[in-house]
Protein backbone atom coordinates (compact mmCIF):
# COMPACT_ATOMS: atom_id res chain seq x y z
CA MET A 1 12.46 13.77 3.39
CA ASN A 2 14.08 12.96 6.71
CA LEU A 3 16.33 9.93 6.60
CA LYS A 4 19.11 10.57 9.14
CA GLY A 5 21.19 8.01 10.88
CA GLN A 6 23.33 8.45 13.97
CA ASN A 7 27.02 7.82 14.33
CA ASN A 8 27.45 5.69 17.39
CA ILE A 9 27.68 1.98 18.13
CA ARG A 10 24.43 1.86 20.13
CA THR A 11 22.41 2.72 17.05
CA LYS A 12 24.08 0.40 14.58
CA GLN A 13 20.84 -1.36 13.81
CA THR A 14 19.08 1.95 13.15
CA ASN A 15 21.85 3.02 10.81
CA ARG A 16 21.70 -0.31 8.95
CA SER A 17 17.99 0.26 8.48
CA GLN A 18 18.59 3.73 7.14
CA VAL A 19 21.10 2.41 4.58
CA LEU A 20 18.68 -0.20 3.34
CA GLN A 21 15.88 2.31 3.09
CA ALA A 22 18.14 4.72 1.26
CA LEU A 23 18.95 1.99 -1.31
CA LEU A 24 15.23 1.31 -1.64
CA ARG A 25 14.52 4.96 -2.37
CA LEU A 26 17.52 5.81 -4.50
CA GLY A 27 17.80 2.59 -6.46
CA ARG A 28 21.22 1.91 -7.97
CA THR A 29 23.48 4.46 -6.25
CA SER A 30 26.85 5.08 -4.60
CA ARG A 31 28.02 4.97 -1.02
CA GLN A 32 28.56 8.73 -1.29
CA ASN A 33 24.96 9.34 -2.21
CA ILE A 34 23.75 7.18 0.66
CA ALA A 35 25.99 9.14 3.07
CA GLU A 36 24.53 12.45 1.80
CA LEU A 37 20.97 11.19 2.30
CA THR A 38 21.44 9.61 5.71
CA HIS A 39 24.06 12.08 7.11
CA LEU A 40 26.12 9.07 8.26
CA THR A 41 29.91 9.22 8.02
CA SER A 42 31.73 7.61 5.14
CA ALA A 43 33.33 5.12 7.55
CA THR A 44 29.93 4.11 8.89
CA ILE A 45 28.55 3.64 5.37
CA THR A 46 31.62 1.62 4.33
CA ASN A 47 31.31 -0.71 7.31
CA LEU A 48 27.54 -1.21 6.96
CA THR A 49 27.53 -1.78 3.24
CA ALA A 50 30.36 -4.30 3.60
CA GLU A 51 28.23 -6.15 6.14
CA LEU A 52 25.19 -6.07 3.87
CA ILE A 53 27.24 -7.35 0.93
CA ARG A 54 28.50 -10.27 3.08
CA GLU A 55 24.89 -11.08 3.86
CA GLU A 56 24.05 -10.83 0.15
CA LEU A 57 21.35 -8.26 0.68
CA VAL A 58 23.32 -5.71 -1.34
CA ARG A 59 25.60 -6.07 -4.37
CA GLU A 60 28.13 -3.94 -6.11
CA THR A 61 27.00 -3.44 -9.70
CA GLY A 62 29.85 -1.70 -11.56
CA ASN A 63 30.71 1.97 -11.91
CA LEU A 64 28.02 4.61 -11.44
CA GLU A 65 27.34 7.06 -14.19
CA GLU A 66 26.22 10.39 -12.61
CA ASN A 67 24.67 13.43 -14.14
CA ARG A 68 27.02 15.75 -12.21
CA LYS A 69 30.74 15.64 -12.95
CA ARG A 70 33.14 14.97 -10.10
CA ALA A 71 36.87 14.90 -10.03
CA GLY A 72 38.72 11.73 -9.10
CA ARG A 73 37.89 8.05 -9.49
CA LYS A 74 34.46 6.76 -10.47
CA PHE A 75 32.07 5.68 -7.78
CA ILE A 76 31.06 2.03 -7.41
CA ALA A 77 27.33 1.49 -7.63
CA LEU A 78 25.37 -0.46 -5.01
CA SER A 79 21.97 -2.07 -5.45
CA LEU A 80 19.70 -4.22 -3.35
CA TYR A 81 19.99 -7.86 -4.32
CA GLU A 82 16.30 -8.31 -4.92
CA ASP A 83 16.22 -12.09 -4.96
CA ALA A 84 18.06 -12.33 -1.62
CA TYR A 85 14.84 -12.28 0.42
CA TRP A 86 11.34 -13.59 -0.30
CA VAL A 87 8.00 -13.20 1.47
CA VAL A 88 4.42 -14.23 0.78
CA GLY A 89 1.79 -11.49 0.62
CA VAL A 90 -1.82 -12.42 1.40
CA HIS A 91 -4.54 -9.91 0.37
CA ILE A 92 -8.03 -10.41 1.85
CA SER A 93 -10.63 -8.21 0.24
CA PHE A 94 -14.41 -8.34 -0.09
CA GLY A 95 -15.08 -11.72 -1.75
CA GLN A 96 -11.54 -12.41 -2.84
CA LEU A 97 -8.39 -14.03 -1.51
CA GLU A 98 -5.04 -13.42 -3.18
CA PHE A 99 -1.53 -14.84 -2.65
CA GLY A 100 1.76 -13.65 -4.06
CA LEU A 101 5.42 -14.59 -3.81
CA VAL A 102 7.26 -11.31 -3.63
CA ASN A 103 10.98 -10.44 -3.51
CA LEU A 104 12.98 -7.71 -1.78
CA GLY A 105 12.39 -5.35 -4.77
CA GLY A 106 8.59 -5.72 -4.62
CA SER A 107 8.37 -7.95 -7.72
CA VAL A 108 5.64 -10.62 -7.78
CA LYS A 109 7.06 -13.89 -9.08
CA LYS A 110 4.09 -16.19 -8.42
CA GLN A 111 0.47 -15.29 -7.82
CA ARG A 112 -2.90 -16.94 -7.21
CA LYS A 113 -6.43 -15.56 -6.74
CA LEU A 114 -9.62 -17.25 -5.66
CA ASP A 115 -13.15 -16.10 -4.80
CA LEU A 116 -14.26 -16.23 -1.17
CA PRO A 117 -17.62 -17.94 -0.77
CA ALA A 118 -20.37 -15.79 0.71
CA ALA A 119 -21.34 -16.14 4.35
CA LEU A 120 -18.20 -17.80 5.66
CA SER A 121 -17.97 -17.94 9.43
CA GLU A 122 -14.72 -16.92 11.13
CA GLN A 123 -13.79 -20.60 11.62
CA GLN A 124 -14.66 -21.51 8.01
CA PHE A 125 -12.57 -18.60 6.75
CA ALA A 126 -9.65 -19.54 8.98
CA ASP A 127 -9.74 -23.16 7.76
CA LEU A 128 -9.99 -22.06 4.12
CA LEU A 129 -7.14 -19.57 4.49
CA LEU A 130 -4.75 -22.11 6.02
CA THR A 131 -5.63 -24.77 3.47
CA GLU A 132 -5.20 -22.44 0.47
CA LEU A 133 -2.04 -20.82 1.87
CA GLN A 134 -0.53 -24.27 2.47
CA THR A 135 -1.27 -25.18 -1.16
CA PHE A 136 0.34 -21.97 -2.36
CA MET A 137 3.43 -22.46 -0.13
CA ASP A 138 3.80 -26.11 -1.26
CA GLY A 139 4.10 -24.81 -4.82
CA ILE A 140 7.10 -22.65 -3.96
CA GLN A 141 10.18 -24.89 -4.47
CA GLU A 142 12.81 -22.47 -5.81
CA VAL A 143 13.23 -20.11 -2.85
CA ASP A 144 12.86 -19.99 0.92
CA VAL A 145 10.01 -17.85 2.23
CA GLN A 146 11.15 -15.79 5.23
CA ALA A 147 7.93 -14.11 6.38
CA ILE A 148 4.27 -13.57 5.60
CA GLY A 149 2.41 -10.26 5.35
CA ILE A 150 -1.38 -10.08 5.37
CA GLY A 151 -3.50 -7.14 4.29
CA CYS A 152 -7.11 -7.55 5.32
CA LEU A 153 -10.22 -5.44 4.96
CA GLY A 154 -11.75 -4.09 8.14
CA LEU A 155 -10.57 -2.84 11.51
CA ILE A 156 -7.20 -4.37 12.36
CA ASN A 157 -5.21 -4.30 15.58
CA PHE A 158 -1.74 -4.19 14.04
CA GLU A 159 0.14 -4.74 17.28
CA ASN A 160 -1.57 -8.11 17.96
CA GLY A 161 -2.39 -9.08 14.37
CA VAL A 162 -6.13 -9.35 15.11
CA VAL A 163 -9.02 -8.70 12.74
CA LEU A 164 -11.26 -6.81 15.15
CA ASP A 165 -14.19 -6.26 12.86
CA ALA A 166 -14.58 -6.94 9.10
CA LYS A 167 -18.28 -6.09 8.85
CA PRO A 168 -18.70 -6.64 5.07
CA MET A 169 -17.73 -10.29 5.71
CA ASN A 170 -19.36 -10.52 9.18
CA TRP A 171 -16.11 -11.47 10.85
CA GLN A 172 -14.96 -10.40 14.33
CA ASN A 173 -11.94 -11.07 16.56
CA ILE A 174 -9.93 -13.36 14.29
CA ARG A 175 -6.38 -13.77 15.73
CA LEU A 176 -4.96 -13.90 12.27
CA ALA A 177 -1.22 -13.38 12.95
CA GLU A 178 -1.22 -16.02 15.73
CA LEU A 179 -3.16 -18.48 13.57
CA VAL A 180 -0.91 -18.24 10.52
CA ALA A 181 2.35 -18.01 12.48
CA SER A 182 1.47 -21.18 14.41
CA ALA A 183 0.77 -23.10 11.19
CA PHE A 184 3.80 -21.97 9.20
CA LYS A 185 6.39 -21.18 11.89
CA LEU A 186 7.23 -17.83 10.21
CA PRO A 187 7.01 -14.18 11.27
CA VAL A 188 3.53 -12.92 10.34
CA TYR A 189 2.34 -9.27 10.09
CA VAL A 190 -1.27 -8.19 9.68
CA ASP A 191 -2.67 -4.75 8.91
CA ASN A 192 -5.58 -3.12 7.10
CA ASN A 193 -5.25 -3.77 3.41
CA VAL A 194 -5.31 -0.15 2.28
CA ARG A 195 -2.65 0.86 4.83
CA CYS A 196 -0.54 -1.93 3.28
CA MET A 197 -1.19 -0.41 -0.18
CA ALA A 198 0.07 2.95 1.09
CA LEU A 199 3.21 1.26 2.33
CA ALA A 200 3.65 -0.40 -1.04
CA GLU A 201 3.43 2.91 -2.81
CA LYS A 202 6.00 4.35 -0.34
CA MET A 203 8.45 1.49 -0.74
CA PHE A 204 8.00 0.46 -4.41
CA GLY A 205 5.65 2.91 -6.09
CA GLY A 206 5.58 6.56 -7.07
CA SER A 207 5.61 8.00 -3.58
CA LYS A 208 9.18 7.08 -2.48
CA LEU A 209 10.15 10.69 -2.08
CA ALA A 210 6.86 11.95 -0.59
CA GLY A 211 7.11 12.43 3.15
CA HIS A 212 3.39 12.90 3.62
CA PHE A 213 0.78 11.42 1.36
CA LEU A 214 -2.64 9.76 1.30
CA CYS A 215 -3.36 6.53 -0.56
CA LEU A 216 -6.99 6.15 -1.51
CA PHE A 217 -8.38 2.85 -2.71
CA ILE A 218 -11.72 2.65 -4.53
CA GLY A 219 -13.09 -0.88 -4.53
CA GLU A 220 -16.28 -2.50 -3.27
CA GLY A 221 -15.75 -0.04 -0.41
CA ILE A 222 -13.46 2.98 -0.03
CA GLY A 223 -10.45 3.00 2.25
CA SER A 224 -7.32 5.04 2.76
CA GLY A 225 -3.85 4.80 4.22
CA LEU A 226 -1.90 7.80 5.41
CA VAL A 227 1.88 8.14 5.42
CA LEU A 228 3.33 10.85 7.68
CA ASN A 229 7.04 11.61 8.04
CA ASP A 230 7.88 8.68 5.75
CA ASP A 231 5.97 6.11 7.91
CA VAL A 232 2.49 4.66 7.95
CA TYR A 233 0.22 6.44 10.43
CA ARG A 234 -1.91 4.28 12.73
CA GLY A 235 -4.36 6.21 14.87
CA GLY A 236 -4.93 4.10 17.92
CA LEU A 237 -6.05 0.50 18.36
CA THR A 238 -8.17 0.32 15.19
CA GLY A 239 -5.91 2.39 13.00
CA ALA A 240 -7.15 5.22 10.80
CA GLY A 241 -8.31 5.74 7.24
CA GLU A 242 -12.01 5.02 7.10
CA ILE A 243 -12.59 7.83 4.62
CA GLY A 244 -15.33 5.83 2.96
CA HIS A 245 -17.43 6.42 6.06
CA VAL A 246 -17.17 10.18 6.04
CA THR A 247 -20.74 11.57 5.68
CA TYR A 248 -21.23 12.79 2.14
CA VAL A 249 -25.03 13.22 2.11
CA HIS A 250 -26.90 14.22 5.25
CA ASP A 251 -29.59 11.60 5.92
CA GLY A 252 -28.58 9.76 2.72
CA PHE A 253 -28.48 6.05 1.98
CA ASP A 254 -28.13 3.68 4.90
CA CYS A 255 -24.65 2.24 5.27
CA TRP A 256 -23.65 -1.12 6.75
CA CYS A 257 -21.45 0.78 9.29
CA GLY A 258 -24.61 2.16 10.99
CA ASN A 259 -24.28 5.66 9.61
CA ARG A 260 -26.23 7.24 6.74
CA GLY A 261 -24.99 9.01 3.66
CA CYS A 262 -21.40 7.65 3.77
CA LEU A 263 -19.15 8.42 0.79
CA GLU A 264 -18.87 4.65 0.14
CA GLN A 265 -22.56 4.52 -0.71
CA TYR A 266 -22.10 7.03 -3.52
CA ALA A 267 -18.61 6.54 -4.99
CA SER A 268 -17.49 2.93 -4.57
CA ASN A 269 -17.60 0.24 -7.27
CA ALA A 270 -20.64 -1.29 -5.60
CA ALA A 271 -22.47 2.09 -5.46
CA ILE A 272 -21.95 2.68 -9.20
CA VAL A 273 -23.07 -0.80 -10.14
CA ARG A 274 -26.16 -0.46 -7.92
CA GLN A 275 -27.03 2.97 -9.34
CA LEU A 276 -26.89 1.75 -12.94
CA LYS A 277 -28.32 -1.69 -12.17
CA ALA A 278 -25.35 -3.09 -14.07
CA PRO A 279 -24.07 -6.66 -13.97
CA SER A 280 -20.60 -5.59 -12.85
CA LEU A 281 -18.15 -2.68 -12.66
CA ASP A 282 -16.31 -4.07 -15.67
CA ALA A 283 -19.53 -3.74 -17.68
CA VAL A 284 -19.92 -0.15 -16.59
CA ILE A 285 -16.34 0.69 -17.52
CA GLN A 286 -16.74 -0.90 -20.97
CA ASP A 287 -19.93 1.09 -21.52
CA CYS A 288 -18.11 4.28 -20.44
CA LEU A 289 -15.22 3.60 -22.85
CA LYS A 290 -17.71 3.07 -25.66
CA GLY A 291 -19.25 6.53 -25.01
CA ASN A 292 -22.33 5.53 -23.03
CA ALA A 293 -23.51 8.83 -21.52
CA GLU A 294 -25.15 7.23 -18.49
CA ALA A 295 -22.04 5.30 -17.55
CA GLN A 296 -19.81 8.31 -18.08
CA LYS A 297 -22.10 10.46 -15.89
CA ALA A 298 -22.18 7.92 -13.05
CA ILE A 299 -18.34 7.57 -12.98
CA ARG A 300 -17.93 11.37 -13.15
CA GLN A 301 -20.42 11.85 -10.28
CA ALA A 302 -18.51 9.27 -8.17
CA GLY A 303 -15.29 11.24 -8.84
CA ARG A 304 -17.01 14.49 -7.82
CA ALA A 305 -18.19 12.84 -4.60
CA VAL A 306 -14.65 11.69 -3.75
CA GLY A 307 -13.26 15.13 -4.66
CA THR A 308 -15.78 16.83 -2.34
CA VAL A 309 -14.61 14.78 0.69
CA LEU A 310 -10.93 15.15 -0.29
CA ALA A 311 -11.31 18.93 -0.48
CA SER A 312 -12.35 19.00 3.19
CA TYR A 313 -9.55 16.63 4.04
CA ILE A 314 -6.98 18.85 2.33
CA ASN A 315 -8.34 21.96 4.07
CA MET A 316 -7.90 20.27 7.43
CA PHE A 317 -4.77 18.22 6.77
CA HIS A 318 -2.43 19.18 3.99
CA VAL A 319 -0.37 16.42 2.38
CA ASP A 320 2.14 16.45 -0.50
CA GLN A 321 0.30 13.94 -2.56
CA ILE A 322 -2.87 11.87 -2.92
CA VAL A 323 -2.54 8.60 -4.85
CA VAL A 324 -5.65 6.81 -6.05
CA ALA A 325 -5.83 3.05 -6.67
CA GLY A 326 -8.55 0.79 -7.99
CA HIS A 327 -10.18 0.03 -11.35
CA LEU A 328 -11.77 3.52 -11.60
CA ALA A 329 -8.31 5.09 -11.42
CA ASP A 330 -7.76 4.74 -15.16
CA GLU A 331 -6.45 7.37 -17.53
CA ASN A 332 -9.30 6.64 -19.96
CA LEU A 333 -12.10 7.23 -17.46
CA PRO A 334 -13.52 10.59 -16.19
CA PHE A 335 -13.10 9.58 -12.52
CA MET A 336 -9.72 11.20 -11.81
CA PRO A 337 -10.39 14.45 -13.77
CA ALA A 338 -13.64 14.84 -11.77
CA ILE A 339 -11.74 14.39 -8.52
CA ARG A 340 -9.16 17.01 -9.46
CA GLU A 341 -11.77 19.49 -10.66
CA GLU A 342 -13.88 19.16 -7.52
CA VAL A 343 -10.89 19.49 -5.20
CA ALA A 344 -9.69 22.58 -7.07
CA ARG A 345 -13.17 24.10 -6.88
CA ARG A 346 -13.77 23.40 -3.21
CA SER A 347 -10.43 23.55 -1.39
CA PHE A 348 -8.92 26.98 -0.97
CA LEU A 349 -5.77 25.49 0.54
CA PHE A 350 -5.30 23.32 -2.58
CA ASN A 351 -5.18 26.45 -4.70
CA ARG A 352 -2.65 28.12 -2.39
CA GLU A 353 -0.35 25.04 -2.16
CA LYS A 354 -0.96 22.41 -4.78
CA VAL A 355 -1.39 18.80 -3.82
CA GLU A 356 -0.49 16.24 -6.52
CA ILE A 357 -3.48 13.97 -7.17
CA ALA A 358 -2.00 11.03 -9.04
CA PHE A 359 -2.71 7.46 -10.14
CA ALA A 360 -1.14 4.82 -7.94
CA ALA A 361 2.04 3.58 -9.65
CA ILE A 362 1.25 -0.01 -8.66
CA ARG A 363 -1.97 -1.09 -10.32
CA GLU A 364 -3.46 -4.61 -10.45
CA GLN A 365 -1.08 -6.15 -7.91
CA ILE A 366 -1.21 -3.44 -5.31
CA GLY A 367 -3.11 -5.58 -2.80
CA VAL A 368 -0.65 -8.49 -2.73
CA ILE A 369 2.43 -6.21 -3.01
CA GLY A 370 1.03 -4.13 -0.16
CA ALA A 371 0.68 -7.20 2.03
CA ALA A 372 4.19 -8.32 1.17
CA SER A 373 5.54 -4.81 1.82
CA LEU A 374 4.33 -5.10 5.38
CA ALA A 375 6.51 -8.16 5.98
CA LEU A 376 9.50 -6.73 4.09
CA HIS A 377 9.28 -3.42 5.93
CA TYR A 378 9.39 -4.92 9.43
CA GLU A 379 11.66 -7.94 8.72
CA VAL A 380 14.27 -6.20 6.52
CA PHE A 381 14.01 -2.44 6.14
CA LYS A 382 13.07 -1.48 9.66
CA LYS A 383 14.29 -4.41 11.71
């Protein structure tokens, strides 16, 4: 992990950001531990933490009990004051809109979900989003919202906050950040929803200490977000992470993206439901848990398909960790074991240098926490 500050006046803002990120990663800790992680001088840490305490972003929380014994006086513990800063996260996925009031510690204090009607035009969606977001914001009386983060399916221009193409919903060129910022007079950040999930796992989940990891989300489609050198990787204007559209079967099923045989057509929630002609993924999961052989086989095959693609990914681009999110990433289902088995069987690099394949630490709320993480990251931790 590389979290180094610099000891000069010109980079005070950078150093401040490093201190806040250190507190996010370490949790309740001492000034001395922050100095060790960031390589900043004790004087710099003292000055910056004093400033953050005055701003009520950080609090002293008593003496710190440490595993290692040190001579001298006890160290005073510092923690982020989680309720000092609040944002709203907006998660836009296939057929669903989700809002959440989220604090500096990544905790959701208020949440609302609603289904998106089919065949909404861009203007109809924009009108619905603003109306429902206004209703949600009107219900927040106890705190001041400082920013809004939006995670949306599809190809997103992060720099301009534009939804370039969300083919599953038939949307193009929605200037989402501009639209919402104009209506609510707040900073607004927009990115692909799975990249936001990767950021949430980095900030608040089980990947705080992983410098390089891939977050894979299995939903109606399949997407991924890549973190490199402790930061979200965006590969050009449209970003990166369309792992669901890696070819899995040559000349296989037609995909909405224009290709054939995409992984998404064999391993997503929608693919499993279609294969079994089931009413819903929940019904498939319940059948699987009851021992239904057909449901178990379908979920295992989906995991093997994902593992096949991940094996090639690992051979080309080694990461420390792969975290998997979505309803199929459940300890009681055969999906994750199938992924691990297939990766181990197909990737020779995996067997030389193990990659942890783990469940995402953030489960049901990963979409809305991811969206909120985007706003918190750029308004507080990296400002």
